[in-house]
C-alpha cells in the first residue's frame, strides 16, 4: 500500500485545481533509474490506467503506480514539506537503504 499524508493531500488538491483537472485525473507515482543514488521518484497527473497498474485510494485521492515501481514503493508514504529546509513532495520509503542529500533519489 502507498499512503498520502494530509499535507500532501492538500497540495495535490491545490495543484489539480490550478491545472483545472477534472475528476478523471489521478496521481501517478513511479520509480525510474537515475539520480545520485541510482533510482528517482516520478510524480505526474494522468487519466489513463495501464495494464498491470496498481491502484490505491487514500481518502478521495486515487494513486496509481506500475507493478515494477510498486516493488520499490510498497509501504511508502508520500508527504509534502513547505519548510525552510526544502519545499516539495517527499517520499518516506522504508525500502530505501540509502537516500541522497536532496531526498529525490534512493537505492535499495
PDB file of N, CA and C in Angstrom:
ATOM      1  N   UNK A   1       0.834  -1.184   0.000  1.00  0.00           N
ATOM      2  CA  UNK A   1       0.000   0.000   0.000  1.00  0.00           C
ATOM      3  C   UNK A   1       0.880   1.249   0.000  1.00  0.00           C
ATOM      4  N   UNK A   2       0.403   2.279  -0.632  1.00  0.00           N
ATOM      5  CA  UNK A   2       1.055   3.586  -0.617  1.00  0.00           C
ATOM      6  C   UNK A   2       0.068   4.572  -0.005  1.00  0.00           C
ATOM      7  N   UNK A   3       0.513   5.335   0.974  1.00  0.00           N
ATOM      8  CA  UNK A   3      -0.372   6.285   1.638  1.00  0.00           C
ATOM      9  C   UNK A   3       0.076   7.719   1.350  1.00  0.00           C
ATOM     10  N   UNK A   4      -0.812   8.647   1.635  1.00  0.00           N
ATOM     11  CA  UNK A   4      -0.563  10.069   1.374  1.00  0.00           C
ATOM     12  C   UNK A   4      -0.842  10.847   2.651  1.00  0.00           C
ATOM     13  N   UNK A   5       0.117  11.655   3.083  1.00  0.00           N
ATOM     14  CA  UNK A   5      -0.073  12.461   4.288  1.00  0.00           C
ATOM     15  C   UNK A   5      -1.118  13.543   4.029  1.00  0.00           C
ATOM     16  N   UNK A   6      -1.672  14.086   5.104  1.00  0.00           N
ATOM     17  CA  UNK A   6      -2.673  15.150   4.969  1.00  0.00           C
ATOM     18  C   UNK A   6      -2.101  16.375   4.259  1.00  0.00           C
ATOM     19  N   UNK A   7      -0.865  16.713   4.585  1.00  0.00           N
ATOM     20  CA  UNK A   7      -0.212  17.875   3.952  1.00  0.00           C
ATOM     21  C   UNK A   7      -0.051  17.645   2.443  1.00  0.00           C
ATOM     22  N   UNK A   8       0.317  16.426   2.039  1.00  0.00           N
ATOM     23  CA  UNK A   8       0.452  16.107   0.614  1.00  0.00           C
ATOM     24  C   UNK A   8      -0.909  16.142  -0.073  1.00  0.00           C
ATOM     25  N   UNK A   9      -1.949  15.651   0.606  1.00  0.00           N
ATOM     26  CA  UNK A   9      -3.304  15.689   0.026  1.00  0.00           C
ATOM     27  C   UNK A   9      -3.717  17.122  -0.284  1.00  0.00           C
ATOM     28  N   UNK A  10      -3.481  18.028   0.671  1.00  0.00           N
ATOM     29  CA  UNK A  10      -3.826  19.438   0.467  1.00  0.00           C
ATOM     30  C   UNK A  10      -3.137  19.989  -0.785  1.00  0.00           C
ATOM     31  N   UNK A  11      -1.858  19.685  -0.945  1.00  0.00           N
ATOM     32  CA  UNK A  11      -1.098  20.187  -2.087  1.00  0.00           C
ATOM     33  C   UNK A  11      -1.592  19.561  -3.388  1.00  0.00           C
ATOM     34  N   UNK A  12      -1.943  18.281  -3.375  1.00  0.00           N
ATOM     35  CA  UNK A  12      -2.468  17.622  -4.572  1.00  0.00           C
ATOM     36  C   UNK A  12      -3.778  18.268  -4.991  1.00  0.00           C
ATOM     37  N   UNK A  13      -4.673  18.519  -4.014  1.00  0.00           N
ATOM     38  CA  UNK A  13      -5.940  19.206  -4.337  1.00  0.00           C
ATOM     39  C   UNK A  13      -5.666  20.562  -4.972  1.00  0.00           C
ATOM     40  N   UNK A  14      -4.727  21.303  -4.401  1.00  0.00           N
ATOM     41  CA  UNK A  14      -4.388  22.635  -4.902  1.00  0.00           C
ATOM     42  C   UNK A  14      -3.851  22.557  -6.333  1.00  0.00           C
ATOM     43  N   UNK A  15      -2.934  21.645  -6.586  1.00  0.00           N
ATOM     44  CA  UNK A  15      -2.337  21.518  -7.923  1.00  0.00           C
ATOM     45  C   UNK A  15      -3.370  21.094  -8.966  1.00  0.00           C
ATOM     46  N   UNK A  16      -4.261  20.179  -8.598  1.00  0.00           N
ATOM     47  CA  UNK A  16      -5.313  19.759  -9.530  1.00  0.00           C
ATOM     48  C   UNK A  16      -6.240  20.929  -9.866  1.00  0.00           C
ATOM     49  N   UNK A  17      -6.581  21.727  -8.858  1.00  0.00           N
ATOM     50  CA  UNK A  17      -7.455  22.875  -9.081  1.00  0.00           C
ATOM     51  C   UNK A  17      -6.769  23.916  -9.971  1.00  0.00           C
ATOM     52  N   UNK A  18      -5.497  24.198  -9.709  1.00  0.00           N
ATOM     53  CA  UNK A  18      -4.758  25.178 -10.510  1.00  0.00           C
ATOM     54  C   UNK A  18      -4.644  24.741 -11.964  1.00  0.00           C
ATOM     55  N   UNK A  19      -4.495  23.430 -12.191  1.00  0.00           N
ATOM     56  CA  UNK A  19      -4.369  22.904 -13.552  1.00  0.00           C
ATOM     57  C   UNK A  19      -5.733  22.626 -14.186  1.00  0.00           C
ATOM     58  N   UNK A  20      -6.795  22.866 -13.414  1.00  0.00           N
ATOM     59  CA  UNK A  20      -8.165  22.651 -13.876  1.00  0.00           C
ATOM     60  C   UNK A  20      -8.375  21.226 -14.389  1.00  0.00           C
ATOM     61  N   UNK A  21      -7.873  20.249 -13.617  1.00  0.00           N
ATOM     62  CA  UNK A  21      -8.024  18.842 -13.966  1.00  0.00           C
ATOM     63  C   UNK A  21      -9.323  18.313 -13.376  1.00  0.00           C
ATOM     64  N   UNK A  22     -10.064  17.560 -14.172  1.00  0.00           N
ATOM     65  CA  UNK A  22     -11.330  17.013 -13.698  1.00  0.00           C
ATOM     66  C   UNK A  22     -11.099  15.768 -12.846  1.00  0.00           C
ATOM     67  N   UNK A  23     -12.181  15.177 -12.389  1.00  0.00           N
ATOM     68  CA  UNK A  23     -12.121  14.021 -11.504  1.00  0.00           C
ATOM     69  C   UNK A  23     -11.550  12.766 -12.132  1.00  0.00           C
ATOM     70  N   UNK A  24     -11.399  12.732 -13.461  1.00  0.00           N
ATOM     71  CA  UNK A  24     -10.831  11.563 -14.126  1.00  0.00           C
ATOM     72  C   UNK A  24      -9.320  11.460 -13.908  1.00  0.00           C
ATOM     73  N   UNK A  25      -8.693  12.540 -13.514  1.00  0.00           N
ATOM     74  CA  UNK A  25      -7.238  12.545 -13.335  1.00  0.00           C
ATOM     75  C   UNK A  25      -6.863  12.007 -11.961  1.00  0.00           C
ATOM     76  N   UNK A  26      -5.774  11.273 -11.926  1.00  0.00           N
ATOM     77  CA  UNK A  26      -5.256  10.708 -10.698  1.00  0.00           C
ATOM     78  C   UNK A  26      -3.764  10.974 -10.628  1.00  0.00           C
ATOM     79  N   UNK A  27      -3.178  10.672  -9.495  1.00  0.00           N
ATOM     80  CA  UNK A  27      -1.746  10.867  -9.290  1.00  0.00           C
ATOM     81  C   UNK A  27      -1.019   9.585  -9.663  1.00  0.00           C
ATOM     82  N   UNK A  28      -0.092   9.680 -10.609  1.00  0.00           N
ATOM     83  CA  UNK A  28       0.727   8.533 -10.999  1.00  0.00           C
ATOM     84  C   UNK A  28       2.098   8.687 -10.345  1.00  0.00           C
ATOM     85  N   UNK A  29       2.510   7.659  -9.626  1.00  0.00           N
ATOM     86  CA  UNK A  29       3.789   7.637  -8.936  1.00  0.00           C
ATOM     87  C   UNK A  29       4.634   6.534  -9.558  1.00  0.00           C
ATOM     88  N   UNK A  30       5.889   6.819  -9.804  1.00  0.00           N
ATOM     89  CA  UNK A  30       6.756   5.813 -10.388  1.00  0.00           C
ATOM     90  C   UNK A  30       8.183   5.928  -9.891  1.00  0.00           C
ATOM     91  N   UNK A  31       8.969   4.925 -10.233  1.00  0.00           N
ATOM     92  CA  UNK A  31      10.396   4.905  -9.926  1.00  0.00           C
ATOM     93  C   UNK A  31      11.125   4.720 -11.245  1.00  0.00           C
ATOM     94  N   UNK A  32      12.112   5.566 -11.492  1.00  0.00           N
ATOM     95  CA  UNK A  32      12.908   5.484 -12.713  1.00  0.00           C
ATOM     96  C   UNK A  32      14.387   5.452 -12.339  1.00  0.00           C
ATOM     97  N   UNK A  33      15.198   4.907 -13.211  1.00  0.00           N
ATOM     98  CA  UNK A  33      16.637   4.902 -12.995  1.00  0.00           C
ATOM     99  C   UNK A  33      17.192   6.303 -13.105  1.00  0.00           C
ATOM    100  N   UNK A  34      18.148   6.624 -12.253  1.00  0.00           N
ATOM    101  CA  UNK A  34      18.786   7.932 -12.319  1.00  0.00           C
ATOM    102  C   UNK A  34      18.952   8.539 -10.939  1.00  0.00           C
ATOM    103  N   UNK A  35      19.494   9.724 -10.900  1.00  0.00           N
ATOM    104  CA  UNK A  35      19.753  10.394  -9.632  1.00  0.00           C
ATOM    105  C   UNK A  35      21.070   9.929  -9.045  1.00  0.00           C
ATOM    106  N   UNK A  36      21.519  10.614  -8.034  1.00  0.00           N
ATOM    107  CA  UNK A  36      22.830  10.306  -7.466  1.00  0.00           C
ATOM    108  C   UNK A  36      22.848   9.018  -6.657  1.00  0.00           C
ATOM    109  N   UNK A  37      21.689   8.459  -6.306  1.00  0.00           N
ATOM    110  CA  UNK A  37      21.660   7.199  -5.573  1.00  0.00           C
ATOM    111  C   UNK A  37      21.194   6.022  -6.424  1.00  0.00           C
ATOM    112  N   UNK A  38      20.868   6.271  -7.684  1.00  0.00           N
ATOM    113  CA  UNK A  38      20.527   5.177  -8.590  1.00  0.00           C
ATOM    114  C   UNK A  38      19.090   5.104  -9.036  1.00  0.00           C
ATOM    115  N   UNK A  39      18.142   5.468  -8.169  1.00  0.00           N
ATOM    116  CA  UNK A  39      16.725   5.450  -8.512  1.00  0.00           C
ATOM    117  C   UNK A  39      16.097   6.776  -8.114  1.00  0.00           C
ATOM    118  N   UNK A  40      15.150   7.252  -8.924  1.00  0.00           N
ATOM    119  CA  UNK A  40      14.470   8.509  -8.633  1.00  0.00           C
ATOM    120  C   UNK A  40      12.966   8.308  -8.663  1.00  0.00           C
ATOM    121  N   UNK A  41      12.282   9.137  -7.919  1.00  0.00           N
ATOM    122  CA  UNK A  41      10.824   9.121  -7.902  1.00  0.00           C
ATOM    123  C   UNK A  41      10.285   9.992  -9.028  1.00  0.00           C
ATOM    124  N   UNK A  42       9.116   9.619  -9.519  1.00  0.00           N
ATOM    125  CA  UNK A  42       8.465  10.401 -10.560  1.00  0.00           C
ATOM    126  C   UNK A  42       7.003  10.575 -10.175  1.00  0.00           C
ATOM    127  N   UNK A  43       6.511  11.814 -10.253  1.00  0.00           N
ATOM    128  CA  UNK A  43       5.119  12.140  -9.946  1.00  0.00           C
ATOM    129  C   UNK A  43       4.506  12.860 -11.135  1.00  0.00           C
ATOM    130  N   UNK A  44       3.271  12.521 -11.451  1.00  0.00           N
ATOM    131  CA  UNK A  44       2.572  13.154 -12.556  1.00  0.00           C
ATOM    132  C   UNK A  44       1.075  12.967 -12.377  1.00  0.00           C
ATOM    133  N   UNK A  45       0.299  13.819 -13.011  1.00  0.00           N
ATOM    134  CA  UNK A  45      -1.132  13.562 -13.115  1.00  0.00           C
ATOM    135  C   UNK A  45      -1.366  12.808 -14.408  1.00  0.00           C
ATOM    136  N   UNK A  46      -2.285  11.872 -14.384  1.00  0.00           N
ATOM    137  CA  UNK A  46      -2.587  11.024 -15.540  1.00  0.00           C
ATOM    138  C   UNK A  46      -4.078  10.741 -15.527  1.00  0.00           C
ATOM    139  N   UNK A  47      -4.613  10.321 -16.665  1.00  0.00           N
ATOM    140  CA  UNK A  47      -6.026   9.946 -16.704  1.00  0.00           C
ATOM    141  C   UNK A  47      -6.250   8.621 -17.428  1.00  0.00           C
ATOM    142  N   UNK A  48      -5.167   7.868 -17.677  1.00  0.00           N
ATOM    143  CA  UNK A  48      -5.297   6.576 -18.340  1.00  0.00           C
ATOM    144  C   UNK A  48      -4.539   5.505 -17.565  1.00  0.00           C
ATOM    145  N   UNK A  49      -5.283   4.530 -17.075  1.00  0.00           N
ATOM    146  CA  UNK A  49      -4.641   3.406 -16.408  1.00  0.00           C
ATOM    147  C   UNK A  49      -4.049   2.468 -17.447  1.00  0.00           C
ATOM    148  N   UNK A  50      -2.962   1.804 -17.081  1.00  0.00           N
ATOM    149  CA  UNK A  50      -2.282   0.860 -17.946  1.00  0.00           C
ATOM    150  C   UNK A  50      -2.456  -0.561 -17.389  1.00  0.00           C
ATOM    151  N   UNK A  51      -2.288  -1.569 -18.253  1.00  0.00           N
ATOM    152  CA  UNK A  51      -2.350  -2.944 -17.748  1.00  0.00           C
ATOM    153  C   UNK A  51      -1.294  -3.136 -16.648  1.00  0.00           C
ATOM    154  N   UNK A  52      -1.637  -3.886 -15.642  1.00  0.00           N
ATOM    155  CA  UNK A  52      -0.761  -4.181 -14.503  1.00  0.00           C
ATOM    156  C   UNK A  52      -0.533  -3.007 -13.562  1.00  0.00           C
ATOM    157  N   UNK A  53      -1.267  -1.898 -13.724  1.00  0.00           N
ATOM    158  CA  UNK A  53      -1.175  -0.807 -12.760  1.00  0.00           C
ATOM    159  C   UNK A  53      -1.717  -1.265 -11.412  1.00  0.00           C
ATOM    160  N   UNK A  54      -1.109  -0.772 -10.369  1.00  0.00           N
ATOM    161  CA  UNK A  54      -1.583  -0.989  -9.006  1.00  0.00           C
ATOM    162  C   UNK A  54      -2.307   0.285  -8.588  1.00  0.00           C
ATOM    163  N   UNK A  55      -3.533   0.163  -8.116  1.00  0.00           N
ATOM    164  CA  UNK A  55      -4.366   1.322  -7.809  1.00  0.00           C
ATOM    165  C   UNK A  55      -4.632   1.370  -6.311  1.00  0.00           C
ATOM    166  N   UNK A  56      -4.436   2.550  -5.730  1.00  0.00           N
ATOM    167  CA  UNK A  56      -4.682   2.782  -4.315  1.00  0.00           C
ATOM    168  C   UNK A  56      -5.536   4.023  -4.172  1.00  0.00           C
ATOM    169  N   UNK A  57      -6.363   4.042  -3.151  1.00  0.00           N
ATOM    170  CA  UNK A  57      -7.140   5.235  -2.854  1.00  0.00           C
ATOM    171  C   UNK A  57      -6.913   5.587  -1.405  1.00  0.00           C
ATOM    172  N   UNK A  58      -6.549   6.827  -1.179  1.00  0.00           N
ATOM    173  CA  UNK A  58      -6.356   7.339   0.171  1.00  0.00           C
ATOM    174  C   UNK A  58      -7.321   8.504   0.315  1.00  0.00           C
ATOM    175  N   UNK A  59      -8.419   8.273   1.009  1.00  0.00           N
ATOM    176  CA  UNK A  59      -9.486   9.263   1.027  1.00  0.00           C
ATOM    177  C   UNK A  59     -10.089   9.319  -0.361  1.00  0.00           C
ATOM    178  N   UNK A  60     -10.162  10.503  -0.931  1.00  0.00           N
ATOM    179  CA  UNK A  60     -10.701  10.622  -2.287  1.00  0.00           C
ATOM    180  C   UNK A  60      -9.620  10.876  -3.328  1.00  0.00           C
ATOM    181  N   UNK A  61      -8.370  10.589  -2.963  1.00  0.00           N
ATOM    182  CA  UNK A  61      -7.270  10.725  -3.924  1.00  0.00           C
ATOM    183  C   UNK A  61      -6.902   9.335  -4.439  1.00  0.00           C
ATOM    184  N   UNK A  62      -6.921   9.217  -5.746  1.00  0.00           N
ATOM    185  CA  UNK A  62      -6.543   7.959  -6.401  1.00  0.00           C
ATOM    186  C   UNK A  62      -5.077   8.051  -6.795  1.00  0.00           C
ATOM    187  N   UNK A  63      -4.315   7.057  -6.390  1.00  0.00           N
ATOM    188  CA  UNK A  63      -2.892   6.993  -6.682  1.00  0.00           C
ATOM    189  C   UNK A  63      -2.627   5.698  -7.446  1.00  0.00           C
ATOM    190  N   UNK A  64      -1.892   5.793  -8.544  1.00  0.00           N
ATOM    191  CA  UNK A  64      -1.639   4.650  -9.418  1.00  0.00           C
ATOM    192  C   UNK A  64      -0.137   4.522  -9.639  1.00  0.00           C
ATOM    193  N   UNK A  65       0.345   3.284  -9.653  1.00  0.00           N
ATOM    194  CA  UNK A  65       1.747   3.025  -9.948  1.00  0.00           C
ATOM    195  C   UNK A  65       1.853   1.748 -10.771  1.00  0.00           C
ATOM    196  N   UNK A  66       2.890   1.664 -11.567  1.00  0.00           N
ATOM    197  CA  UNK A  66       3.100   0.431 -12.328  1.00  0.00           C
ATOM    198  C   UNK A  66       3.637  -0.642 -11.385  1.00  0.00           C
ATOM    199  N   UNK A  67       3.499  -1.888 -11.776  1.00  0.00           N
ATOM    200  CA  UNK A  67       3.873  -3.015 -10.918  1.00  0.00           C
ATOM    201  C   UNK A  67       5.351  -2.988 -10.536  1.00  0.00           C
ATOM    202  N   UNK A  68       6.229  -2.674 -11.487  1.00  0.00           N
ATOM    203  CA  UNK A  68       7.668  -2.641 -11.198  1.00  0.00           C
ATOM    204  C   UNK A  68       7.991  -1.574 -10.145  1.00  0.00           C
ATOM    205  N   UNK A  69       7.397  -0.385 -10.292  1.00  0.00           N
ATOM    206  CA  UNK A  69       7.636   0.675  -9.309  1.00  0.00           C
ATOM    207  C   UNK A  69       7.088   0.305  -7.948  1.00  0.00           C
ATOM    208  N   UNK A  70       5.944  -0.387  -7.935  1.00  0.00           N
ATOM    209  CA  UNK A  70       5.339  -0.756  -6.659  1.00  0.00           C
ATOM    210  C   UNK A  70       6.276  -1.618  -5.818  1.00  0.00           C
ATOM    211  N   UNK A  71       7.093  -2.430  -6.464  1.00  0.00           N
ATOM    212  CA  UNK A  71       8.040  -3.256  -5.712  1.00  0.00           C
ATOM    213  C   UNK A  71       8.986  -2.399  -4.874  1.00  0.00           C
ATOM    214  N   UNK A  72       9.290  -1.187  -5.338  1.00  0.00           N
ATOM    215  CA  UNK A  72      10.152  -0.258  -4.607  1.00  0.00           C
ATOM    216  C   UNK A  72       9.357   0.631  -3.641  1.00  0.00           C
ATOM    217  N   UNK A  73       8.057   0.799  -3.912  1.00  0.00           N
ATOM    218  CA  UNK A  73       7.246   1.771  -3.182  1.00  0.00           C
ATOM    219  C   UNK A  73       6.314   1.167  -2.132  1.00  0.00           C
ATOM    220  N   UNK A  74       6.301  -0.129  -1.995  1.00  0.00           N
ATOM    221  CA  UNK A  74       5.416  -0.792  -1.045  1.00  0.00           C
ATOM    222  C   UNK A  74       5.614  -0.197   0.359  1.00  0.00           C
ATOM    223  N   UNK A  75       4.529   0.186   1.013  1.00  0.00           N
ATOM    224  CA  UNK A  75       4.516   0.767   2.364  1.00  0.00           C
ATOM    225  C   UNK A  75       5.128   2.165   2.445  1.00  0.00           C
ATOM    226  N   UNK A  76       5.215   2.844   1.322  1.00  0.00           N
ATOM    227  CA  UNK A  76       5.758   4.205   1.289  1.00  0.00           C
ATOM    228  C   UNK A  76       4.658   5.221   1.579  1.00  0.00           C
ATOM    229  N   UNK A  77       5.040   6.331   2.182  1.00  0.00           N
ATOM    230  CA  UNK A  77       4.129   7.449   2.410  1.00  0.00           C
ATOM    231  C   UNK A  77       4.614   8.646   1.600  1.00  0.00           C
ATOM    232  N   UNK A  78       3.706   9.252   0.859  1.00  0.00           N
ATOM    233  CA  UNK A  78       4.002  10.484   0.130  1.00  0.00           C
ATOM    234  C   UNK A  78       3.680  11.646   1.047  1.00  0.00           C
ATOM    235  N   UNK A  79       4.656  12.517   1.254  1.00  0.00           N
ATOM    236  CA  UNK A  79       4.494  13.650   2.157  1.00  0.00           C
ATOM    237  C   UNK A  79       4.827  14.930   1.402  1.00  0.00           C
ATOM    238  N   UNK A  80       4.472  16.069   1.987  1.00  0.00           N
ATOM    239  CA  UNK A  80       4.802  17.365   1.398  1.00  0.00           C
ATOM    240  C   UNK A  80       5.338  18.264   2.485  1.00  0.00           C
ATOM    241  N   UNK A  81       6.416  18.980   2.160  1.00  0.00           N
ATOM    242  CA  UNK A  81       7.022  19.913   3.099  1.00  0.00           C
ATOM    243  C   UNK A  81       7.116  21.277   2.444  1.00  0.00           C
ATOM    244  N   UNK A  82       6.784  22.309   3.209  1.00  0.00           N
ATOM    245  CA  UNK A  82       6.955  23.664   2.691  1.00  0.00           C
ATOM    246  C   UNK A  82       7.827  24.487   3.639  1.00  0.00           C
ATOM    247  N   UNK A  83       8.709  23.804   4.336  1.00  0.00           N
ATOM    248  CA  UNK A  83       9.584  24.457   5.310  1.00  0.00           C
ATOM    249  C   UNK A  83      10.832  25.049   4.693  1.00  0.00           C
ATOM    250  N   UNK A  84      11.665  25.592   5.529  1.00  0.00           N
ATOM    251  CA  UNK A  84      12.901  26.248   5.099  1.00  0.00           C
ATOM    252  C   UNK A  84      13.936  25.271   4.555  1.00  0.00           C
ATOM    253  N   UNK A  85      13.874  24.021   4.980  1.00  0.00           N
ATOM    254  CA  UNK A  85      14.871  23.035   4.563  1.00  0.00           C
ATOM    255  C   UNK A  85      14.518  22.338   3.259  1.00  0.00           C
ATOM    256  N   UNK A  86      13.552  22.810   2.576  1.00  0.00           N
ATOM    257  CA  UNK A  86      13.180  22.198   1.313  1.00  0.00           C
ATOM    258  C   UNK A  86      11.682  22.174   1.140  1.00  0.00           C
ATOM    259  N   UNK A  87      11.255  22.522  -0.040  1.00  0.00           N
ATOM    260  CA  UNK A  87       9.836  22.576  -0.335  1.00  0.00           C
ATOM    261  C   UNK A  87       9.537  21.555  -1.419  1.00  0.00           C
ATOM    262  N   UNK A  88       8.505  20.770  -1.217  1.00  0.00           N
ATOM    263  CA  UNK A  88       8.099  19.837  -2.240  1.00  0.00           C
ATOM    264  C   UNK A  88       7.651  18.509  -1.663  1.00  0.00           C
ATOM    265  N   UNK A  89       7.333  17.612  -2.575  1.00  0.00           N
ATOM    266  CA  UNK A  89       6.915  16.275  -2.186  1.00  0.00           C
ATOM    267  C   UNK A  89       8.128  15.453  -1.778  1.00  0.00           C
ATOM    268  N   UNK A  90       7.943  14.643  -0.746  1.00  0.00           N
ATOM    269  CA  UNK A  90       8.998  13.770  -0.244  1.00  0.00           C
ATOM    270  C   UNK A  90       8.406  12.396  -0.005  1.00  0.00           C
ATOM    271  N   UNK A  91       9.193  11.376  -0.226  1.00  0.00           N
ATOM    272  CA  UNK A  91       8.763  10.006  -0.019  1.00  0.00           C
ATOM    273  C   UNK A  91       9.398   9.461   1.250  1.00  0.00           C
ATOM    274  N   UNK A  92       8.577   8.921   2.116  1.00  0.00           N
ATOM    275  CA  UNK A  92       9.064   8.231   3.303  1.00  0.00           C
ATOM    276  C   UNK A  92       8.990   6.755   2.947  1.00  0.00           C
ATOM    277  N   UNK A  93      10.138   6.229   2.515  1.00  0.00           N
ATOM    278  CA  UNK A  93      10.197   4.899   1.924  1.00  0.00           C
ATOM    279  C   UNK A  93      11.009   3.949   2.813  1.00  0.00           C
ATOM    280  N   UNK A  94      10.328   3.012   3.493  1.00  0.00           N
ATOM    281  CA  UNK A  94      11.061   2.082   4.358  1.00  0.00           C
ATOM    282  C   UNK A  94      11.924   1.084   3.579  1.00  0.00           C
ATOM    283  N   UNK A  95      11.739   1.004   2.268  1.00  0.00           N
ATOM    284  CA  UNK A  95      12.510   0.075   1.441  1.00  0.00           C
ATOM    285  C   UNK A  95      13.851   0.648   1.009  1.00  0.00           C
ATOM    286  N   UNK A  96      14.026   1.958   1.151  1.00  0.00           N
ATOM    287  CA  UNK A  96      15.263   2.611   0.712  1.00  0.00           C
ATOM    288  C   UNK A  96      16.368   2.368   1.733  1.00  0.00           C
ATOM    289  N   UNK A  97      17.475   1.832   1.271  1.00  0.00           N
ATOM    290  CA  UNK A  97      18.610   1.619   2.168  1.00  0.00           C
ATOM    291  C   UNK A  97      19.494   2.857   2.243  1.00  0.00           C
ATOM    292  N   UNK A  98      19.394   3.708   1.226  1.00  0.00           N
ATOM    293  CA  UNK A  98      20.194   4.930   1.187  1.00  0.00           C
ATOM    294  C   UNK A  98      19.450   5.969   0.359  1.00  0.00           C
ATOM    295  N   UNK A  99      19.483   7.218   0.787  1.00  0.00           N
ATOM    296  CA  UNK A  99      18.912   8.318   0.017  1.00  0.00           C
ATOM    297  C   UNK A  99      19.974   9.380  -0.155  1.00  0.00           C
ATOM    298  N   UNK A 100      19.810  10.193  -1.185  1.00  0.00           N
ATOM    299  CA  UNK A 100      20.768  11.269  -1.410  1.00  0.00           C
ATOM    300  C   UNK A 100      20.410  12.451  -0.509  1.00  0.00           C
ATOM    301  N   UNK A 101      21.248  13.438  -0.477  1.00  0.00           N
ATOM    302  CA  UNK A 101      21.031  14.606   0.364  1.00  0.00           C
ATOM    303  C   UNK A 101      19.777  15.384   0.023  1.00  0.00           C
ATOM    304  N   UNK A 102      19.417  15.430  -1.248  1.00  0.00           N
ATOM    305  CA  UNK A 102      18.237  16.182  -1.653  1.00  0.00           C
ATOM    306  C   UNK A 102      16.957  15.385  -1.438  1.00  0.00           C
ATOM    307  N   UNK A 103      17.051  14.074  -1.208  1.00  0.00           N
ATOM    308  CA  UNK A 103      15.875  13.252  -0.949  1.00  0.00           C
ATOM    309  C   UNK A 103      15.110  12.844  -2.189  1.00  0.00           C
ATOM    310  N   UNK A 104      15.638  13.159  -3.373  1.00  0.00           N
ATOM    311  CA  UNK A 104      14.934  12.856  -4.601  1.00  0.00           C
ATOM    312  C   UNK A 104      15.361  11.546  -5.243  1.00  0.00           C
ATOM    313  N   UNK A 105      16.411  10.938  -4.742  1.00  0.00           N
ATOM    314  CA  UNK A 105      16.806   9.644  -5.273  1.00  0.00           C
ATOM    315  C   UNK A 105      17.170   8.723  -4.114  1.00  0.00           C
ATOM    316  N   UNK A 106      17.171   7.420  -4.414  1.00  0.00           N
ATOM    317  CA  UNK A 106      17.409   6.427  -3.372  1.00  0.00           C
ATOM    318  C   UNK A 106      17.986   5.161  -3.980  1.00  0.00           C
ATOM    319  N   UNK A 107      18.398   4.249  -3.108  1.00  0.00           N
ATOM    320  CA  UNK A 107      18.823   2.923  -3.552  1.00  0.00           C
ATOM    321  C   UNK A 107      18.258   1.907  -2.575  1.00  0.00           C
ATOM    322  N   UNK A 108      18.184   0.663  -3.026  1.00  0.00           N
ATOM    323  CA  UNK A 108      17.651  -0.405  -2.168  1.00  0.00           C
ATOM    324  C   UNK A 108      18.714  -1.466  -1.950  1.00  0.00           C
TER     325      UNK A 108
END
